[in-house]
Amino acid sequence: MEMDIRRTCLHSEKQETSLYELGNSYFNDLVNRSMIQPTDIDTNGNAEGCRVHDMVLDLICSLSSEENFVTILDDTRRKIPNSEIKVRRLSIQNTKIDVDTTRMEHMRSLTIFTSDVVGKVLDISSFQVLRVLDLEGCKNVSDVGYVGNLLHLRYLGLKDTHVKDLPMEIGKLQFLLTLDLRGTKIEVLPSSVVQLRRLMCLYVDDDMKLPSGIGNLTSLEVLDELRLSGVDLDFVKELGRLTKLRVLRLDCDDFDESLGKALEESISSIYKLDSLDVYVVAGLINCLSEDWVPPPQLRRLAFPSNLSWFETLPSWINPSSLPLLSYLDITLFEVRSEVIQLLGTLPALVYLEIRDYSVYKEAHEVEAPVLSSGAALFPCATECRFIGIGAVPSMFPQGAAPRLKRLWFAFPAKWISRENFNLGMRHLPSLQQVTVEFIRKGASHQEMEEAKAALRAAAEDHPNRPALKFW
């Protein structure tokens, strides 16, 4: 889908419909017609890719060749077969190729999967109508000074190359939609980057410094990963002008109160925000306060560092403030039963990862949460990871978590000696995999063996016989 957007194959007649929404609708239509099969389904149920039947693939390749849609040079074909054909879309997958560059003046798309072609066989600067340039993984690429003259570029992919600098002329690429700089050696982006008014996706590393004026990139929908450490107040406020952002990943170390307040206001104004990742290396997370109002469309919220934490669950994580939240990754200093009870009421929650910091860093004892019955808890959850939390399957009341497929919980082996301790999991009808964080501390050898045997027996007793793993 993103490749179609790069080539501007997608056109939306409705101004309020984004190209990503349109592309998703086309993708789902093809799935419903059984023309493609979705693959690599993520925790939100979204497909990361697709595959087709061999017969359909043969048909696609045949039509592509007949219509001169794409030319592929690989181990089986190292030379462009028809000398009369003008190459428009070229994919190079082998270093030993025979290419006539005089037939490439009309080329619109170039994707290279090998390092020894750029600059030796191809002179990319001569491809003046190029729209897509994907050099991902080409380690020998270090100089891309020519890209400032490729005025028709929609996509520039330099991921995992050795490029050190972008030319100042990058600002002339007024049609550029995607710029991927992850894994390069670039430290500072040129000031002209903020002139890319149509840019929709900007992928950078957290050690890259962006220029002031980022608020001018009002078409941005994806900003990944922006480091805010060391920036000034005006830079943080400019984020609020990026009202079309759907995906935002931030690195927020060393925040003071004024920067935190500005960040809260900026994120709150991004009303279309769908996914927010906030990375704080270590310590108390103080960049989002208790009275923050999150964007109501938020579906993913992640604080992925297990060395940073909230003292308690922020009050804005609740069903009324985040009715669409389907993915949550968070660390609390201490996780109590009432926290899990509240999280279970999030109506759209599909994936939960929650960590108890005190167990890991303060050597606190693992606690077994107790949930009250009543309203159905975790109605949509398919995966729950309770790290350092004794959320055994029997914690879930009858009728809770009807779709839960994967469960992770901590289990101190010494608990097996508790009278009438319940490890049953038959009441979780969809369970397929159970991972036990097996804690040996304070347990005898006999208790450890009995605990493992009891867990295996509980898994065997389940109709699905879920896979049991000890971690």
Protein backbone atom coordinates (compact mmCIF):
# COMPACT_ATOMS: atom_id res chain seq x y z
CA MET A 1 0.00 0.00 0.00
CA GLU A 2 2.75 2.45 0.92
CA MET A 3 4.44 1.74 -2.43
CA ASP A 4 1.21 2.69 -4.21
CA ILE A 5 1.12 5.92 -2.24
CA ARG A 6 4.76 6.61 -3.19
CA ARG A 7 3.90 6.26 -6.85
CA THR A 8 0.65 8.20 -6.36
CA CYS A 9 -1.34 5.22 -7.65
CA LEU A 10 -3.96 6.08 -5.03
CA HIS A 11 -6.23 9.07 -5.43
CA SER A 12 -8.93 10.08 -2.99
CA GLU A 13 -11.96 11.94 -4.29
CA LYS A 14 -12.98 12.91 -0.75
CA GLN A 15 -10.66 15.43 0.85
CA GLU A 16 -11.39 14.10 4.35
CA THR A 17 -10.25 10.58 3.35
CA SER A 18 -6.49 10.11 3.70
CA LEU A 19 -4.46 8.01 1.29
CA TYR A 20 -3.80 5.49 4.07
CA GLU A 21 -7.51 5.09 4.77
CA LEU A 22 -8.17 4.67 1.06
CA GLY A 23 -5.33 2.17 0.71
CA ASN A 24 -6.64 0.15 3.67
CA SER A 25 -10.10 -0.01 2.12
CA TYR A 26 -8.61 -1.28 -1.17
CA PHE A 27 -6.52 -3.85 0.71
CA ASN A 28 -9.54 -5.12 2.66
CA ASP A 29 -11.55 -5.32 -0.55
CA LEU A 30 -8.91 -7.55 -2.15
CA VAL A 31 -8.88 -9.74 0.96
CA ASN A 32 -12.67 -10.04 0.91
CA ARG A 33 -12.52 -11.08 -2.77
CA SER A 34 -9.94 -13.77 -1.83
CA MET A 35 -7.42 -12.30 -4.26
CA ILE A 36 -4.80 -11.83 -1.53
CA GLN A 37 -4.23 -13.37 1.89
CA PRO A 38 -3.11 -11.11 4.77
CA THR A 39 0.07 -12.12 6.62
CA ASP A 40 2.05 -11.00 9.69
CA ILE A 41 -1.05 -9.94 11.62
CA ASP A 42 -0.10 -7.59 14.46
CA THR A 43 -1.70 -7.38 17.89
CA ASN A 44 -4.33 -4.96 16.59
CA GLY A 45 -5.39 -7.35 13.87
CA ASN A 46 -3.73 -5.31 11.11
CA ALA A 47 -1.82 -7.08 8.34
CA GLU A 48 1.81 -6.12 7.80
CA GLY A 49 1.91 -7.86 4.41
CA CYS A 50 0.10 -10.20 2.07
CA ARG A 51 0.65 -13.21 -0.15
CA VAL A 52 -1.05 -14.59 -3.24
CA HIS A 53 -1.66 -18.03 -4.70
CA ASP A 54 0.99 -19.26 -7.14
CA MET A 55 -1.48 -19.06 -10.03
CA VAL A 56 -2.36 -15.46 -9.16
CA LEU A 57 1.36 -14.65 -8.87
CA ASP A 58 2.00 -16.08 -12.33
CA LEU A 59 -0.84 -13.97 -13.70
CA ILE A 60 0.50 -10.83 -12.00
CA CYS A 61 4.00 -11.43 -13.37
CA SER A 62 2.66 -12.11 -16.86
CA LEU A 63 0.52 -8.97 -16.93
CA SER A 64 3.34 -6.89 -15.45
CA SER A 65 5.63 -8.04 -18.23
CA GLU A 66 3.07 -7.47 -20.97
CA GLU A 67 2.22 -3.99 -19.72
CA ASN A 68 5.86 -3.12 -18.95
CA PHE A 69 4.80 -2.34 -15.39
CA VAL A 70 8.03 -3.49 -13.73
CA THR A 71 11.41 -4.91 -14.82
CA ILE A 72 13.21 -7.29 -12.44
CA LEU A 73 16.90 -8.12 -12.75
CA ASP A 74 17.95 -11.05 -10.56
CA ASP A 75 19.72 -14.42 -10.72
CA THR A 76 17.47 -15.63 -13.53
CA ARG A 77 17.38 -12.43 -15.57
CA ARG A 78 20.45 -10.18 -15.68
CA LYS A 79 19.66 -8.22 -18.81
CA ILE A 80 16.62 -6.26 -19.95
CA PRO A 81 15.10 -8.65 -22.52
CA ASN A 82 13.55 -6.34 -25.10
CA SER A 83 15.79 -3.63 -26.49
CA GLU A 84 12.77 -1.65 -27.65
CA ILE A 85 11.19 -1.36 -24.20
CA LYS A 86 11.71 1.76 -22.12
CA VAL A 87 12.32 0.88 -18.48
CA ARG A 88 9.87 2.63 -16.14
CA ARG A 89 10.12 0.62 -12.92
CA LEU A 90 13.30 -1.31 -12.17
CA SER A 91 14.08 -3.72 -9.33
CA ILE A 92 17.71 -4.85 -9.13
CA GLN A 93 18.36 -7.93 -7.00
CA ASN A 94 21.77 -9.06 -8.29
CA THR A 95 25.14 -7.33 -8.70
CA LYS A 96 26.00 -9.04 -11.99
CA ILE A 97 23.68 -7.23 -14.36
CA ASP A 98 23.92 -5.75 -17.83
CA VAL A 99 22.04 -2.45 -17.94
CA ASP A 100 21.69 0.01 -20.79
CA THR A 101 21.17 3.32 -18.99
CA THR A 102 20.21 5.11 -22.21
CA ARG A 103 16.86 3.36 -22.02
CA MET A 104 16.16 4.64 -18.52
CA GLU A 105 15.48 8.31 -19.07
CA HIS A 106 11.79 7.68 -18.39
CA MET A 107 12.32 5.50 -15.31
CA ARG A 108 9.98 6.35 -12.45
CA SER A 109 10.89 3.78 -9.79
CA LEU A 110 14.22 2.26 -8.78
CA THR A 111 14.56 -0.31 -5.99
CA ILE A 112 17.96 -1.86 -5.30
CA PHE A 113 18.58 -4.86 -3.04
CA THR A 114 22.33 -5.15 -3.55
CA SER A 115 25.21 -2.88 -2.53
CA ASP A 116 27.52 -3.03 -5.51
CA VAL A 117 25.38 -1.42 -8.18
CA VAL A 118 24.91 2.21 -7.15
CA GLY A 119 27.59 4.44 -8.66
CA LYS A 120 29.24 1.55 -10.53
CA VAL A 121 26.57 0.45 -12.97
CA LEU A 122 23.93 3.14 -12.52
CA ASP A 123 24.16 6.92 -12.59
CA ILE A 124 21.04 7.76 -10.60
CA SER A 125 21.48 11.50 -11.12
CA SER A 126 20.47 11.04 -14.77
CA PHE A 127 17.01 9.68 -13.91
CA GLN A 128 15.30 13.05 -13.92
CA VAL A 129 11.67 11.84 -13.69
CA LEU A 130 12.30 9.33 -10.89
CA ARG A 131 9.50 9.16 -8.34
CA VAL A 132 10.65 6.27 -6.12
CA LEU A 133 14.25 5.74 -5.01
CA ASP A 134 14.70 2.91 -2.53
CA LEU A 135 18.33 2.16 -1.58
CA GLU A 136 17.60 0.42 1.73
CA GLY A 137 20.51 -1.75 2.88
CA CYS A 138 22.96 -0.54 0.22
CA LYS A 139 25.98 -0.21 2.51
CA ASN A 140 28.27 1.30 -0.11
CA VAL A 141 25.99 4.33 -0.57
CA SER A 142 27.41 7.33 1.27
CA ASP A 143 26.89 10.30 -1.07
CA VAL A 144 23.41 11.24 -2.27
CA GLY A 145 24.10 14.84 -3.23
CA TYR A 146 22.27 14.28 -6.50
CA VAL A 147 18.85 13.73 -4.92
CA GLY A 148 18.22 17.48 -4.71
CA ASN A 149 17.87 17.51 -8.49
CA LEU A 150 15.36 14.63 -8.67
CA LEU A 151 12.45 17.03 -8.45
CA HIS A 152 9.73 14.42 -9.03
CA LEU A 153 10.67 12.17 -6.10
CA ARG A 154 7.79 10.97 -3.96
CA TYR A 155 9.76 8.44 -1.92
CA LEU A 156 13.38 8.50 -0.77
CA GLY A 157 14.49 5.43 1.18
CA LEU A 158 18.02 5.55 2.60
CA LYS A 159 17.48 3.19 5.54
CA ASP A 160 20.62 1.29 6.64
CA THR A 161 22.92 3.04 4.18
CA HIS A 162 26.14 4.89 5.09
CA VAL A 163 24.85 8.32 4.07
CA LYS A 164 26.29 11.03 6.33
CA ASP A 165 24.64 14.17 4.98
CA LEU A 166 21.58 15.27 3.07
CA PRO A 167 22.10 18.11 0.56
CA MET A 168 20.53 21.47 1.31
CA GLU A 169 18.73 21.07 -2.03
CA ILE A 170 16.50 18.43 -0.42
CA GLY A 171 14.06 21.28 0.19
CA LYS A 172 13.40 21.50 -3.55
CA LEU A 173 11.64 18.10 -3.56
CA GLN A 174 8.17 19.57 -3.26
CA PHE A 175 6.42 16.30 -4.19
CA LEU A 176 8.24 14.17 -1.59
CA LEU A 177 5.83 12.10 0.53
CA THR A 178 8.15 9.72 2.43
CA LEU A 179 11.69 10.24 3.73
CA ASP A 180 13.31 7.27 5.52
CA LEU A 181 16.65 8.00 7.20
CA ARG A 182 16.74 5.25 9.85
CA GLY A 183 20.06 3.51 10.31
CA THR A 184 22.07 6.13 8.40
CA LYS A 185 25.01 8.14 9.73
CA ILE A 186 23.21 11.45 9.49
CA GLU A 187 23.48 13.53 12.68
CA VAL A 188 21.81 16.80 11.68
CA LEU A 189 19.08 17.33 9.10
CA PRO A 190 19.44 20.41 6.87
CA SER A 191 17.20 23.38 7.64
CA SER A 192 15.60 23.05 4.20
CA VAL A 193 13.80 19.85 5.31
CA VAL A 194 11.01 22.00 6.79
CA GLN A 195 10.19 23.20 3.25
CA LEU A 196 8.81 19.75 2.35
CA ARG A 197 5.18 20.79 2.73
CA ARG A 198 3.74 17.57 1.23
CA LEU A 199 5.84 15.19 3.33
CA MET A 200 3.60 12.58 4.95
CA CYS A 201 6.10 10.18 6.56
CA LEU A 202 9.40 11.11 8.21
CA TYR A 203 11.47 8.28 9.70
CA VAL A 204 14.55 9.32 11.68
CA ASP A 205 16.71 7.92 14.50
CA ASP A 206 16.58 9.29 18.04
CA ASP A 207 20.12 10.67 17.77
CA MET A 208 19.33 12.86 14.74
CA LYS A 209 18.77 16.56 15.31
CA LEU A 210 15.89 18.18 13.47
CA PRO A 211 15.88 21.89 12.57
CA SER A 212 13.46 24.42 13.98
CA GLY A 213 10.36 25.04 11.91
CA ILE A 214 9.09 21.46 12.05
CA GLY A 215 5.60 22.89 12.45
CA ASN A 216 5.70 23.78 8.75
CA LEU A 217 5.41 20.07 7.85
CA THR A 218 1.64 20.22 8.16
CA SER A 219 1.03 17.18 5.93
CA LEU A 220 2.95 14.82 8.23
CA GLU A 221 1.06 11.70 9.26
CA VAL A 222 3.99 9.65 10.60
CA LEU A 223 6.89 11.04 12.68
CA ASP A 224 9.20 8.28 13.92
CA GLU A 225 11.37 8.68 16.14
CA LEU A 226 11.77 12.26 17.38
CA ARG A 227 14.21 13.03 20.18
CA LEU A 228 13.03 15.93 22.34
CA SER A 229 15.95 15.98 24.77
CA GLY A 230 17.78 19.28 24.53
CA VAL A 231 15.16 21.08 22.41
CA ASP A 232 13.66 24.44 23.36
CA LEU A 233 10.09 25.30 24.29
CA ASP A 234 9.20 26.67 20.84
CA PHE A 235 10.23 23.39 19.18
CA VAL A 236 7.87 21.39 21.44
CA LYS A 237 5.03 23.85 20.82
CA GLU A 238 5.47 23.48 17.05
CA LEU A 239 4.47 19.81 17.30
CA GLY A 240 0.93 21.00 17.98
CA ARG A 241 0.71 22.30 14.41
CA LEU A 242 1.09 18.78 13.02
CA THR A 243 -2.63 18.11 13.29
CA LYS A 244 -2.67 15.33 10.67
CA LEU A 245 -0.26 13.08 12.59
CA ARG A 246 -1.47 9.50 13.02
CA VAL A 247 1.75 7.97 14.36
CA LEU A 248 4.16 9.72 16.74
CA ARG A 249 7.18 8.20 18.49
CA LEU A 250 9.06 10.39 20.96
CA ASP A 251 12.21 10.19 23.08
CA CYS A 252 11.54 12.34 26.14
CA ASP A 253 14.47 12.29 28.55
CA ASP A 254 15.31 15.21 30.87
CA PHE A 255 11.98 17.03 30.71
CA ASP A 256 11.21 19.93 33.02
CA GLU A 257 7.71 21.08 33.96
CA SER A 258 7.39 23.77 31.27
CA LEU A 259 8.43 21.41 28.48
CA GLY A 260 6.08 18.73 29.82
CA LYS A 261 3.14 21.13 29.82
CA ALA A 262 3.92 22.26 26.27
CA LEU A 263 4.16 18.64 25.14
CA GLU A 264 0.79 17.81 26.69
CA GLU A 265 -0.87 20.72 24.91
CA SER A 266 0.77 19.85 21.60
CA ILE A 267 -0.23 16.18 21.69
CA SER A 268 -3.78 17.01 22.82
CA SER A 269 -4.24 19.20 19.73
CA ILE A 270 -3.28 16.33 17.38
CA TYR A 271 -6.85 15.07 17.29
CA LYS A 272 -6.21 12.38 14.63
CA LEU A 273 -3.39 10.74 16.58
CA ASP A 274 -3.78 6.98 16.45
CA SER A 275 -0.45 5.74 17.87
CA LEU A 276 1.79 7.30 20.52
CA ASP A 277 5.08 5.86 21.79
CA VAL A 278 6.96 7.75 24.51
CA TYR A 279 10.42 6.48 25.40
CA VAL A 280 12.07 7.55 28.65
CA VAL A 281 15.35 5.71 29.29
CA ALA A 282 15.07 5.44 33.07
CA GLY A 283 13.38 6.95 36.09
CA LEU A 284 9.99 8.45 36.80
CA ILE A 285 7.99 9.45 33.70
CA ASN A 286 7.10 13.10 34.25
CA CYS A 287 6.42 14.38 30.73
CA LEU A 288 2.67 13.61 30.94
CA SER A 289 0.86 14.76 34.08
CA GLU A 290 -2.25 13.48 35.85
CA ASP A 291 -4.52 16.14 34.34
CA TRP A 292 -3.49 15.55 30.71
CA VAL A 293 -6.30 15.01 28.20
CA PRO A 294 -5.20 12.47 25.54
CA PRO A 295 -6.47 12.53 21.94
CA PRO A 296 -9.72 10.52 21.89
CA GLN A 297 -8.80 8.58 18.72
CA LEU A 298 -5.75 7.00 20.36
CA ARG A 299 -5.53 3.26 19.68
CA ARG A 300 -1.93 2.53 20.66
CA LEU A 301 -0.15 3.89 23.73
CA ALA A 302 3.31 2.58 24.62
CA PHE A 303 5.97 3.46 27.17
CA PRO A 304 8.40 0.73 26.07
CA SER A 305 11.33 1.18 28.47
CA ASN A 306 11.17 -1.21 31.42
CA LEU A 307 13.52 1.10 33.36
CA SER A 308 11.07 4.01 33.48
CA TRP A 309 7.74 4.02 35.27
CA PHE A 310 4.66 5.87 36.45
CA GLU A 311 4.16 5.99 40.21
CA THR A 312 0.51 4.98 39.74
CA LEU A 313 -1.73 4.41 36.75
CA PRO A 314 -2.43 7.86 35.21
CA SER A 315 -6.05 8.89 35.77
CA TRP A 316 -6.51 9.59 32.05
CA ILE A 317 -6.12 5.88 31.25
CA ASN A 318 -9.78 4.96 31.59
CA PRO A 319 -12.66 3.85 29.32
CA SER A 320 -14.17 7.31 28.90
CA SER A 321 -10.92 9.06 27.94
CA LEU A 322 -9.56 6.23 25.75
CA PRO A 323 -12.58 4.34 24.38
CA LEU A 324 -10.68 3.07 21.30
CA LEU A 325 -7.42 2.06 23.01
CA SER A 326 -6.44 -1.42 21.75
CA TYR A 327 -2.71 -1.54 22.64
CA LEU A 328 -1.16 -0.56 25.97
CA ASP A 329 2.45 -1.04 27.11
CA ILE A 330 3.25 0.52 30.48
CA THR A 331 5.34 0.14 33.65
CA LEU A 332 4.04 1.11 37.09
CA PHE A 333 6.09 1.26 40.26
CA GLU A 334 3.59 -1.10 41.84
CA VAL A 335 0.65 -2.88 40.20
CA ARG A 336 -2.37 -3.46 42.43
CA SER A 337 -5.56 -5.43 41.80
CA GLU A 338 -7.67 -2.31 41.24
CA VAL A 339 -5.35 -1.25 38.38
CA ILE A 340 -5.87 -4.54 36.53
CA GLN A 341 -9.60 -4.33 37.28
CA LEU A 342 -9.77 -0.87 35.67
CA LEU A 343 -7.68 -1.89 32.65
CA GLY A 344 -10.06 -4.81 32.15
CA THR A 345 -12.88 -2.34 31.55
CA LEU A 346 -11.18 -0.74 28.52
CA PRO A 347 -13.70 -1.83 25.88
CA ALA A 348 -11.34 -2.13 22.87
CA LEU A 349 -8.15 -3.36 24.56
CA VAL A 350 -6.58 -6.17 22.50
CA TYR A 351 -2.97 -6.19 23.77
CA LEU A 352 -1.78 -5.39 27.28
CA GLU A 353 1.78 -5.43 28.59
CA ILE A 354 2.13 -4.15 32.14
CA ARG A 355 5.21 -4.38 34.33
CA ASP A 356 5.66 -4.09 38.10
CA TYR A 357 8.86 -2.10 38.56
CA SER A 358 9.09 -2.76 42.32
CA VAL A 359 9.42 -6.51 41.81
CA TYR A 360 12.39 -6.14 39.46
CA LYS A 361 14.28 -3.23 40.92
CA GLU A 362 13.21 -3.17 44.56
CA ALA A 363 13.03 -6.97 45.04
CA HIS A 364 9.44 -6.74 46.26
CA GLU A 365 7.43 -9.94 46.56
CA VAL A 366 5.22 -10.92 43.63
CA GLU A 367 1.55 -10.37 44.47
CA ALA A 368 -1.46 -12.33 43.24
CA PRO A 369 -4.15 -9.87 42.06
CA VAL A 370 -7.79 -10.52 42.88
CA LEU A 371 -10.47 -9.33 40.45
CA SER A 372 -14.13 -8.94 41.30
CA SER A 373 -16.77 -10.52 39.11
CA GLY A 374 -19.64 -8.57 37.57
CA ALA A 375 -19.05 -6.66 34.36
CA ALA A 376 -17.18 -8.70 31.74
CA LEU A 377 -13.48 -7.82 31.90
CA PHE A 378 -11.02 -7.80 28.98
CA PRO A 379 -13.78 -8.44 26.40
CA CYS A 380 -11.48 -8.00 23.36
CA ALA A 381 -8.06 -8.94 24.77
CA THR A 382 -6.12 -11.56 22.81
CA GLU A 383 -2.77 -11.16 24.58
CA CYS A 384 -1.96 -10.11 28.15
CA ARG A 385 1.58 -9.95 29.51
CA PHE A 386 1.73 -9.39 33.28
CA ILE A 387 5.47 -8.96 33.89
CA GLY A 388 6.42 -9.47 37.53
CA ILE A 389 2.73 -9.88 38.40
CA GLY A 390 1.18 -13.09 39.68
CA ALA A 391 -1.84 -12.87 37.38
CA VAL A 392 -2.51 -16.61 37.26
CA PRO A 393 -5.39 -17.74 35.00
CA SER A 394 -7.74 -18.18 37.97
CA MET A 395 -7.46 -14.40 38.54
CA PHE A 396 -9.90 -13.90 35.66
CA PRO A 397 -13.54 -14.25 36.78
CA GLN A 398 -15.86 -16.58 34.87
CA GLY A 399 -16.80 -14.94 31.56
CA ALA A 400 -13.80 -12.60 31.47
CA ALA A 401 -11.26 -12.54 28.62
CA PRO A 402 -13.27 -14.75 26.22
CA ARG A 403 -10.82 -14.09 23.34
CA LEU A 404 -7.55 -14.36 25.28
CA LYS A 405 -5.07 -16.49 23.31
CA ARG A 406 -1.72 -15.69 24.93
CA LEU A 407 -1.11 -15.14 28.63
CA TRP A 408 2.14 -14.30 30.47
CA PHE A 409 2.32 -14.15 34.26
CA ALA A 410 4.80 -14.50 37.13
CA PHE A 411 4.55 -17.52 39.41
CA PRO A 412 6.66 -17.98 42.56
CA ALA A 413 7.13 -21.75 42.93
CA LYS A 414 6.54 -21.53 46.71
CA TRP A 415 2.89 -20.62 46.05
CA ILE A 416 2.24 -24.27 45.29
CA SER A 417 2.31 -24.96 49.03
CA ARG A 418 -0.64 -22.63 49.64
CA GLU A 419 -3.77 -24.47 50.59
CA ASN A 420 -6.26 -24.99 47.71
CA PHE A 421 -4.26 -22.83 45.30
CA ASN A 422 -6.14 -22.76 41.99
CA LEU A 423 -4.22 -22.96 38.70
CA GLY A 424 -7.22 -23.86 36.53
CA MET A 425 -7.51 -22.22 33.11
CA ARG A 426 -10.45 -24.03 31.48
CA HIS A 427 -12.63 -20.91 31.88
CA LEU A 428 -10.45 -19.07 29.30
CA PRO A 429 -11.90 -20.73 26.17
CA SER A 430 -9.56 -19.26 23.54
CA LEU A 431 -6.25 -19.87 25.32
CA GLN A 432 -3.45 -21.12 23.03
CA GLN A 433 -0.19 -20.20 24.76
CA VAL A 434 0.81 -19.71 28.40
CA THR A 435 4.21 -18.31 29.39
CA VAL A 436 5.15 -18.60 33.05
CA GLU A 437 7.79 -16.34 34.57
CA PHE A 438 8.93 -19.05 36.97
CA ILE A 439 10.38 -17.63 40.20
CA ARG A 440 12.51 -20.05 42.21
CA LYS A 441 13.40 -17.71 45.07
CA GLY A 442 12.38 -19.09 48.47
CA ALA A 443 11.15 -22.41 47.10
CA SER A 444 12.48 -25.87 47.81
CA HIS A 445 13.39 -28.28 45.02
CA GLN A 446 10.25 -30.26 45.75
CA GLU A 447 8.06 -27.16 45.50
CA MET A 448 9.60 -26.23 42.17
CA GLU A 449 8.93 -29.68 40.73
CA GLU A 450 5.39 -29.73 42.12
CA ALA A 451 4.70 -26.26 40.75
CA LYS A 452 5.83 -27.19 37.25
CA ALA A 453 3.84 -30.41 37.36
CA ALA A 454 0.71 -28.55 38.50
CA LEU A 455 1.04 -25.98 35.71
CA ARG A 456 1.52 -28.71 33.11
CA ALA A 457 -1.52 -30.54 34.43
CA ALA A 458 -3.63 -27.37 34.22
CA ALA A 459 -2.57 -26.85 30.60
CA GLU A 460 -3.30 -30.48 29.74
CA ASP A 461 -6.74 -30.16 31.33
CA HIS A 462 -7.68 -27.29 29.01
CA PRO A 463 -9.61 -28.39 25.87
CA ASN A 464 -7.14 -26.46 23.65
CA ARG A 465 -4.09 -27.85 25.43
CA PRO A 466 -2.26 -24.52 25.19
CA ALA A 467 1.51 -24.52 24.72
CA LEU A 468 3.22 -24.03 28.08
CA LYS A 469 6.56 -22.23 28.34
CA PHE A 470 8.67 -21.54 31.41
CA TRP A 471 10.73 -18.35 31.31
